[in-house]
Amino acid sequence: MSPTTILERIRGLFAADTSEHLDSINDAFVQGALKQPVRPMSDQELARAIREFHSAPVSDWTLAKLSRRFVEACGSRDD
């Protein structure tokens, strides 16, 4: 499966709106800046990557976006 197809599936699962992050990853694959790995990640490598991802601090932009979504969700339930 191509990286672009994978990104489209991820976008459909998790991103209801457009995602600049996924767009930039897709563009990097299309432009050749990113390449598919020679071999898939091992379970240990994947676990390490997930731990590193979880330990990274959350950006202010992400917190603000989540806050807006919660406010919108609460507002739509009150109607």
PDB file of N, CA and C in Angstrom:
ATOM      1  N   MET A   1       0.850  -1.165   0.000  1.00  0.00           N
ATOM      2  CA  MET A   1       0.000   0.000   0.000  1.00  0.00           C
ATOM      3  C   MET A   1       0.901   1.236   0.000  1.00  0.00           C
ATOM      4  N   SER A   2       0.568   2.215  -0.775  1.00  0.00           N
ATOM      5  CA  SER A   2       1.400   3.413  -0.885  1.00  0.00           C
ATOM      6  C   SER A   2       1.243   4.294   0.357  1.00  0.00           C
ATOM      7  N   PRO A   3       2.264   5.088   0.656  1.00  0.00           N
ATOM      8  CA  PRO A   3       2.169   6.005   1.805  1.00  0.00           C
ATOM      9  C   PRO A   3       0.985   6.964   1.678  1.00  0.00           C
ATOM     10  N   THR A   4       0.702   7.409   0.477  1.00  0.00           N
ATOM     11  CA  THR A   4      -0.420   8.328   0.269  1.00  0.00           C
ATOM     12  C   THR A   4      -1.743   7.658   0.622  1.00  0.00           C
ATOM     13  N   THR A   5      -1.905   6.398   0.238  1.00  0.00           N
ATOM     14  CA  THR A   5      -3.123   5.659   0.566  1.00  0.00           C
ATOM     15  C   THR A   5      -3.256   5.473   2.071  1.00  0.00           C
ATOM     16  N   ILE A   6      -2.160   5.162   2.716  1.00  0.00           N
ATOM     17  CA  ILE A   6      -2.172   4.998   4.176  1.00  0.00           C
ATOM     18  C   ILE A   6      -2.579   6.303   4.855  1.00  0.00           C
ATOM     19  N   LEU A   7      -1.999   7.417   4.410  1.00  0.00           N
ATOM     20  CA  LEU A   7      -2.338   8.710   4.991  1.00  0.00           C
ATOM     21  C   LEU A   7      -3.802   9.062   4.772  1.00  0.00           C
ATOM     22  N   GLU A   8      -4.343   8.721   3.619  1.00  0.00           N
ATOM     23  CA  GLU A   8      -5.762   8.976   3.367  1.00  0.00           C
ATOM     24  C   GLU A   8      -6.643   8.161   4.310  1.00  0.00           C
ATOM     25  N   ARG A   9      -6.248   6.924   4.578  1.00  0.00           N
ATOM     26  CA  ARG A   9      -7.019   6.098   5.529  1.00  0.00           C
ATOM     27  C   ARG A   9      -6.931   6.671   6.936  1.00  0.00           C
ATOM     28  N   ILE A  10      -5.750   7.109   7.328  1.00  0.00           N
ATOM     29  CA  ILE A  10      -5.585   7.730   8.648  1.00  0.00           C
ATOM     30  C   ILE A  10      -6.441   8.984   8.734  1.00  0.00           C
ATOM     31  N   ARG A  11      -6.405   9.795   7.692  1.00  0.00           N
ATOM     32  CA  ARG A  11      -7.196  11.023   7.672  1.00  0.00           C
ATOM     33  C   ARG A  11      -8.677  10.700   7.863  1.00  0.00           C
ATOM     34  N   GLY A  12      -9.158   9.654   7.203  1.00  0.00           N
ATOM     35  CA  GLY A  12     -10.561   9.272   7.325  1.00  0.00           C
ATOM     36  C   GLY A  12     -10.932   8.770   8.708  1.00  0.00           C
ATOM     37  N   LEU A  13      -9.985   8.148   9.393  1.00  0.00           N
ATOM     38  CA  LEU A  13     -10.261   7.619  10.723  1.00  0.00           C
ATOM     39  C   LEU A  13     -10.228   8.682  11.812  1.00  0.00           C
ATOM     40  N   PHE A  14      -9.274   9.599  11.719  1.00  0.00           N
ATOM     41  CA  PHE A  14      -9.017  10.497  12.838  1.00  0.00           C
ATOM     42  C   PHE A  14      -9.268  11.970  12.576  1.00  0.00           C
ATOM     43  N   ALA A  15      -9.264  12.391  11.364  1.00  0.00           N
ATOM     44  CA  ALA A  15      -9.346  13.817  11.088  1.00  0.00           C
ATOM     45  C   ALA A  15     -10.614  14.148  10.317  1.00  0.00           C
ATOM     46  N   ALA A  16     -11.561  14.758  11.011  1.00  0.00           N
ATOM     47  CA  ALA A  16     -12.799  15.140  10.356  1.00  0.00           C
ATOM     48  C   ALA A  16     -12.574  16.338   9.439  1.00  0.00           C
ATOM     49  N   ASP A  17     -11.630  17.210   9.819  1.00  0.00           N
ATOM     50  CA  ASP A  17     -11.333  18.368   8.989  1.00  0.00           C
ATOM     51  C   ASP A  17      -9.984  18.172   8.309  1.00  0.00           C
ATOM     52  N   THR A  18      -9.585  19.130   7.530  1.00  0.00           N
ATOM     53  CA  THR A  18      -8.291  19.017   6.866  1.00  0.00           C
ATOM     54  C   THR A  18      -7.179  19.091   7.903  1.00  0.00           C
ATOM     55  N   SER A  19      -6.103  18.429   7.640  1.00  0.00           N
ATOM     56  CA  SER A  19      -4.991  18.389   8.575  1.00  0.00           C
ATOM     57  C   SER A  19      -3.722  18.839   7.871  1.00  0.00           C
ATOM     58  N   GLU A  20      -3.177  19.968   8.317  1.00  0.00           N
ATOM     59  CA  GLU A  20      -1.941  20.466   7.731  1.00  0.00           C
ATOM     60  C   GLU A  20      -0.805  19.474   7.945  1.00  0.00           C
ATOM     61  N   HIS A  21      -0.814  18.794   9.089  1.00  0.00           N
ATOM     62  CA  HIS A  21       0.245  17.843   9.395  1.00  0.00           C
ATOM     63  C   HIS A  21       0.238  16.679   8.401  1.00  0.00           C
ATOM     64  N   LEU A  22      -0.926  16.082   8.196  1.00  0.00           N
ATOM     65  CA  LEU A  22      -1.017  14.980   7.242  1.00  0.00           C
ATOM     66  C   LEU A  22      -0.710  15.453   5.824  1.00  0.00           C
ATOM     67  N   ASP A  23      -1.144  16.673   5.497  1.00  0.00           N
ATOM     68  CA  ASP A  23      -0.827  17.219   4.176  1.00  0.00           C
ATOM     69  C   ASP A  23       0.675  17.367   3.982  1.00  0.00           C
ATOM     70  N   SER A  24       1.385  17.836   5.021  1.00  0.00           N
ATOM     71  CA  SER A  24       2.829  18.013   4.887  1.00  0.00           C
ATOM     72  C   SER A  24       3.547  16.670   4.753  1.00  0.00           C
ATOM     73  N   ILE A  25       3.068  15.637   5.453  1.00  0.00           N
ATOM     74  CA  ILE A  25       3.658  14.300   5.316  1.00  0.00           C
ATOM     75  C   ILE A  25       3.420  13.779   3.903  1.00  0.00           C
ATOM     76  N   ASN A  26       2.188  13.932   3.417  1.00  0.00           N
ATOM     77  CA  ASN A  26       1.863  13.470   2.070  1.00  0.00           C
ATOM     78  C   ASN A  26       2.724  14.190   1.034  1.00  0.00           C
ATOM     79  N   ASP A  27       2.856  15.500   1.168  1.00  0.00           N
ATOM     80  CA  ASP A  27       3.683  16.269   0.232  1.00  0.00           C
ATOM     81  C   ASP A  27       5.130  15.792   0.246  1.00  0.00           C
ATOM     82  N   ALA A  28       5.643  15.474   1.435  1.00  0.00           N
ATOM     83  CA  ALA A  28       7.028  15.002   1.544  1.00  0.00           C
ATOM     84  C   ALA A  28       7.217  13.666   0.830  1.00  0.00           C
ATOM     85  N   PHE A  29       6.222  12.774   0.914  1.00  0.00           N
ATOM     86  CA  PHE A  29       6.310  11.507   0.172  1.00  0.00           C
ATOM     87  C   PHE A  29       6.262  11.769  -1.330  1.00  0.00           C
ATOM     88  N   VAL A  30       5.356  12.633  -1.757  1.00  0.00           N
ATOM     89  CA  VAL A  30       5.204  12.927  -3.183  1.00  0.00           C
ATOM     90  C   VAL A  30       6.467  13.576  -3.742  1.00  0.00           C
ATOM     91  N   GLN A  31       7.060  14.497  -2.975  1.00  0.00           N
ATOM     92  CA  GLN A  31       8.259  15.205  -3.434  1.00  0.00           C
ATOM     93  C   GLN A  31       9.528  14.373  -3.291  1.00  0.00           C
ATOM     94  N   GLY A  32       9.438  13.261  -2.581  1.00  0.00           N
ATOM     95  CA  GLY A  32      10.603  12.403  -2.419  1.00  0.00           C
ATOM     96  C   GLY A  32      11.453  12.724  -1.205  1.00  0.00           C
ATOM     97  N   ALA A  33      11.008  13.666  -0.373  1.00  0.00           N
ATOM     98  CA  ALA A  33      11.762  14.007   0.839  1.00  0.00           C
ATOM     99  C   ALA A  33      11.661  12.887   1.883  1.00  0.00           C
ATOM    100  N   LEU A  34      10.559  12.145   1.868  1.00  0.00           N
ATOM    101  CA  LEU A  34      10.384  10.981   2.741  1.00  0.00           C
ATOM    102  C   LEU A  34      10.357   9.733   1.882  1.00  0.00           C
ATOM    103  N   LYS A  35      10.937   8.688   2.362  1.00  0.00           N
ATOM    104  CA  LYS A  35      10.956   7.410   1.652  1.00  0.00           C
ATOM    105  C   LYS A  35      10.360   6.337   2.551  1.00  0.00           C
ATOM    106  N   GLN A  36       9.775   5.326   1.929  1.00  0.00           N
ATOM    107  CA  GLN A  36       9.303   4.180   2.694  1.00  0.00           C
ATOM    108  C   GLN A  36      10.524   3.469   3.270  1.00  0.00           C
ATOM    109  N   PRO A  37      10.408   2.959   4.496  1.00  0.00           N
ATOM    110  CA  PRO A  37      11.543   2.235   5.064  1.00  0.00           C
ATOM    111  C   PRO A  37      11.829   0.953   4.285  1.00  0.00           C
ATOM    112  N   VAL A  38      13.083   0.526   4.339  1.00  0.00           N
ATOM    113  CA  VAL A  38      13.481  -0.702   3.642  1.00  0.00           C
ATOM    114  C   VAL A  38      12.782  -1.902   4.254  1.00  0.00           C
ATOM    115  N   ARG A  39      12.617  -1.865   5.562  1.00  0.00           N
ATOM    116  CA  ARG A  39      11.917  -2.949   6.251  1.00  0.00           C
ATOM    117  C   ARG A  39      10.937  -2.340   7.247  1.00  0.00           C
ATOM    118  N   PRO A  40       9.858  -3.042   7.559  1.00  0.00           N
ATOM    119  CA  PRO A  40       8.895  -2.520   8.531  1.00  0.00           C
ATOM    120  C   PRO A  40       9.511  -2.433   9.927  1.00  0.00           C
ATOM    121  N   MET A  41       8.927  -1.628  10.761  1.00  0.00           N
ATOM    122  CA  MET A  41       9.370  -1.520  12.157  1.00  0.00           C
ATOM    123  C   MET A  41       9.110  -2.828  12.890  1.00  0.00           C
ATOM    124  N   SER A  42      10.004  -3.148  13.790  1.00  0.00           N
ATOM    125  CA  SER A  42       9.760  -4.298  14.657  1.00  0.00           C
ATOM    126  C   SER A  42       8.785  -3.855  15.749  1.00  0.00           C
ATOM    127  N   ASP A  43       8.234  -4.801  16.470  1.00  0.00           N
ATOM    128  CA  ASP A  43       7.336  -4.469  17.572  1.00  0.00           C
ATOM    129  C   ASP A  43       8.049  -3.609  18.614  1.00  0.00           C
ATOM    130  N   GLN A  44       9.310  -3.914  18.881  1.00  0.00           N
ATOM    131  CA  GLN A  44      10.082  -3.129  19.853  1.00  0.00           C
ATOM    132  C   GLN A  44      10.289  -1.694  19.369  1.00  0.00           C
ATOM    133  N   GLU A  45      10.620  -1.538  18.086  1.00  0.00           N
ATOM    134  CA  GLU A  45      10.805  -0.195  17.541  1.00  0.00           C
ATOM    135  C   GLU A  45       9.511   0.604  17.588  1.00  0.00           C
ATOM    136  N   LEU A  46       8.401  -0.050  17.277  1.00  0.00           N
ATOM    137  CA  LEU A  46       7.110   0.615  17.332  1.00  0.00           C
ATOM    138  C   LEU A  46       6.780   1.020  18.764  1.00  0.00           C
ATOM    139  N   ALA A  47       7.003   0.121  19.715  1.00  0.00           N
ATOM    140  CA  ALA A  47       6.734   0.432  21.122  1.00  0.00           C
ATOM    141  C   ALA A  47       7.576   1.617  21.583  1.00  0.00           C
ATOM    142  N   ARG A  48       8.836   1.657  21.179  1.00  0.00           N
ATOM    143  CA  ARG A  48       9.723   2.767  21.549  1.00  0.00           C
ATOM    144  C   ARG A  48       9.221   4.078  20.940  1.00  0.00           C
ATOM    145  N   ALA A  49       8.800   4.035  19.683  1.00  0.00           N
ATOM    146  CA  ALA A  49       8.290   5.231  19.017  1.00  0.00           C
ATOM    147  C   ALA A  49       7.023   5.738  19.702  1.00  0.00           C
ATOM    148  N   ILE A  50       6.157   4.824  20.115  1.00  0.00           N
ATOM    149  CA  ILE A  50       4.931   5.214  20.812  1.00  0.00           C
ATOM    150  C   ILE A  50       5.265   5.839  22.158  1.00  0.00           C
ATOM    151  N   ARG A  51       6.218   5.259  22.887  1.00  0.00           N
ATOM    152  CA  ARG A  51       6.635   5.846  24.175  1.00  0.00           C
ATOM    153  C   ARG A  51       7.185   7.249  23.986  1.00  0.00           C
ATOM    154  N   GLU A  52       8.012   7.427  22.957  1.00  0.00           N
ATOM    155  CA  GLU A  52       8.572   8.754  22.682  1.00  0.00           C
ATOM    156  C   GLU A  52       7.475   9.747  22.320  1.00  0.00           C
ATOM    157  N   PHE A  53       6.509   9.303  21.541  1.00  0.00           N
ATOM    158  CA  PHE A  53       5.397  10.171  21.153  1.00  0.00           C
ATOM    159  C   PHE A  53       4.603  10.600  22.386  1.00  0.00           C
ATOM    160  N   HIS A  54       4.302   9.641  23.266  1.00  0.00           N
ATOM    161  CA  HIS A  54       3.534   9.952  24.470  1.00  0.00           C
ATOM    162  C   HIS A  54       4.296  10.852  25.440  1.00  0.00           C
ATOM    163  N   SER A  55       5.618  10.792  25.423  1.00  0.00           N
ATOM    164  CA  SER A  55       6.399  11.602  26.350  1.00  0.00           C
ATOM    165  C   SER A  55       6.630  13.025  25.838  1.00  0.00           C
ATOM    166  N   ALA A  56       6.338  13.273  24.559  1.00  0.00           N
ATOM    167  CA  ALA A  56       6.528  14.608  23.991  1.00  0.00           C
ATOM    168  C   ALA A  56       5.474  15.562  24.551  1.00  0.00           C
ATOM    169  N   PRO A  57       5.873  16.797  24.833  1.00  0.00           N
ATOM    170  CA  PRO A  57       4.894  17.762  25.366  1.00  0.00           C
ATOM    171  C   PRO A  57       3.855  18.132  24.311  1.00  0.00           C
ATOM    172  N   VAL A  58       2.668  18.436  24.793  1.00  0.00           N
ATOM    173  CA  VAL A  58       1.578  18.836  23.910  1.00  0.00           C
ATOM    174  C   VAL A  58       1.742  20.321  23.594  1.00  0.00           C
ATOM    175  N   SER A  59       1.549  20.683  22.338  1.00  0.00           N
ATOM    176  CA  SER A  59       1.724  22.081  21.940  1.00  0.00           C
ATOM    177  C   SER A  59       0.534  22.932  22.386  1.00  0.00           C
ATOM    178  N   ASP A  60       0.780  24.216  22.528  1.00  0.00           N
ATOM    179  CA  ASP A  60      -0.284  25.161  22.885  1.00  0.00           C
ATOM    180  C   ASP A  60      -1.367  25.171  21.810  1.00  0.00           C
ATOM    181  N   TRP A  61      -0.949  25.052  20.536  1.00  0.00           N
ATOM    182  CA  TRP A  61      -1.911  25.049  19.434  1.00  0.00           C
ATOM    183  C   TRP A  61      -2.863  23.861  19.564  1.00  0.00           C
ATOM    184  N   THR A  62      -2.321  22.679  19.898  1.00  0.00           N
ATOM    185  CA  THR A  62      -3.145  21.476  20.045  1.00  0.00           C
ATOM    186  C   THR A  62      -4.129  21.624  21.192  1.00  0.00           C
ATOM    187  N   LEU A  63      -3.660  22.151  22.317  1.00  0.00           N
ATOM    188  CA  LEU A  63      -4.549  22.363  23.461  1.00  0.00           C
ATOM    189  C   LEU A  63      -5.666  23.340  23.118  1.00  0.00           C
ATOM    190  N   ALA A  64      -5.338  24.401  22.412  1.00  0.00           N
ATOM    191  CA  ALA A  64      -6.359  25.378  22.023  1.00  0.00           C
ATOM    192  C   ALA A  64      -7.391  24.749  21.089  1.00  0.00           C
ATOM    193  N   LYS A  65      -6.929  23.933  20.154  1.00  0.00           N
ATOM    194  CA  LYS A  65      -7.852  23.287  19.215  1.00  0.00           C
ATOM    195  C   LYS A  65      -8.779  22.323  19.951  1.00  0.00           C
ATOM    196  N   LEU A  66      -8.216  21.537  20.873  1.00  0.00           N
ATOM    197  CA  LEU A  66      -9.055  20.619  21.653  1.00  0.00           C
ATOM    198  C   LEU A  66     -10.053  21.379  22.509  1.00  0.00           C
ATOM    199  N   SER A  67      -9.625  22.478  23.097  1.00  0.00           N
ATOM    200  CA  SER A  67     -10.530  23.295  23.909  1.00  0.00           C
ATOM    201  C   SER A  67     -11.702  23.796  23.083  1.00  0.00           C
ATOM    202  N   ARG A  68     -11.418  24.280  21.866  1.00  0.00           N
ATOM    203  CA  ARG A  68     -12.497  24.750  20.986  1.00  0.00           C
ATOM    204  C   ARG A  68     -13.463  23.616  20.662  1.00  0.00           C
ATOM    205  N   ARG A  69     -12.931  22.429  20.410  1.00  0.00           N
ATOM    206  CA  ARG A  69     -13.810  21.290  20.089  1.00  0.00           C
ATOM    207  C   ARG A  69     -14.703  20.923  21.273  1.00  0.00           C
ATOM    208  N   PHE A  70     -14.149  20.955  22.490  1.00  0.00           N
ATOM    209  CA  PHE A  70     -14.954  20.656  23.665  1.00  0.00           C
ATOM    210  C   PHE A  70     -16.035  21.694  23.872  1.00  0.00           C
ATOM    211  N   VAL A  71     -15.700  22.956  23.685  1.00  0.00           N
ATOM    212  CA  VAL A  71     -16.696  24.028  23.833  1.00  0.00           C
ATOM    213  C   VAL A  71     -17.784  23.867  22.795  1.00  0.00           C
ATOM    214  N   GLU A  72     -17.403  23.581  21.550  1.00  0.00           N
ATOM    215  CA  GLU A  72     -18.395  23.375  20.497  1.00  0.00           C
ATOM    216  C   GLU A  72     -19.281  22.168  20.797  1.00  0.00           C
ATOM    217  N   ALA A  73     -18.699  21.089  21.282  1.00  0.00           N
ATOM    218  CA  ALA A  73     -19.465  19.884  21.605  1.00  0.00           C
ATOM    219  C   ALA A  73     -20.439  20.151  22.742  1.00  0.00           C
ATOM    220  N   CYS A  74     -19.986  20.874  23.752  1.00  0.00           N
ATOM    221  CA  CYS A  74     -20.873  21.199  24.882  1.00  0.00           C
ATOM    222  C   CYS A  74     -21.984  22.137  24.441  1.00  0.00           C
ATOM    223  N   GLY A  75     -21.658  23.066  23.571  1.00  0.00           N
ATOM    224  CA  GLY A  75     -22.656  24.008  23.059  1.00  0.00           C
ATOM    225  C   GLY A  75     -23.725  23.327  22.244  1.00  0.00           C
ATOM    226  N   SER A  76     -23.357  22.330  21.456  1.00  0.00           N
ATOM    227  CA  SER A  76     -24.336  21.634  20.613  1.00  0.00           C
ATOM    228  C   SER A  76     -25.244  20.735  21.449  1.00  0.00           C
ATOM    229  N   ARG A  77     -24.759  20.270  22.594  1.00  0.00           N
ATOM    230  CA  ARG A  77     -25.601  19.432  23.475  1.00  0.00           C
ATOM    231  C   ARG A  77     -26.615  20.281  24.232  1.00  0.00           C
ATOM    232  N   ASP A  78     -26.288  21.549  24.472  1.00  0.00           N
ATOM    233  CA  ASP A  78     -27.188  22.429  25.230  1.00  0.00           C
ATOM    234  C   ASP A  78     -28.377  22.879  24.395  1.00  0.00           C
ATOM    235  N   ASP A  79     -28.282  22.766  23.072  1.00  0.00           N
ATOM    236  CA  ASP A  79     -29.354  23.244  22.183  1.00  0.00           C
ATOM    237  C   ASP A  79     -30.567  22.384  22.244  1.00  0.00           C
TER     238      ASP A  79
END
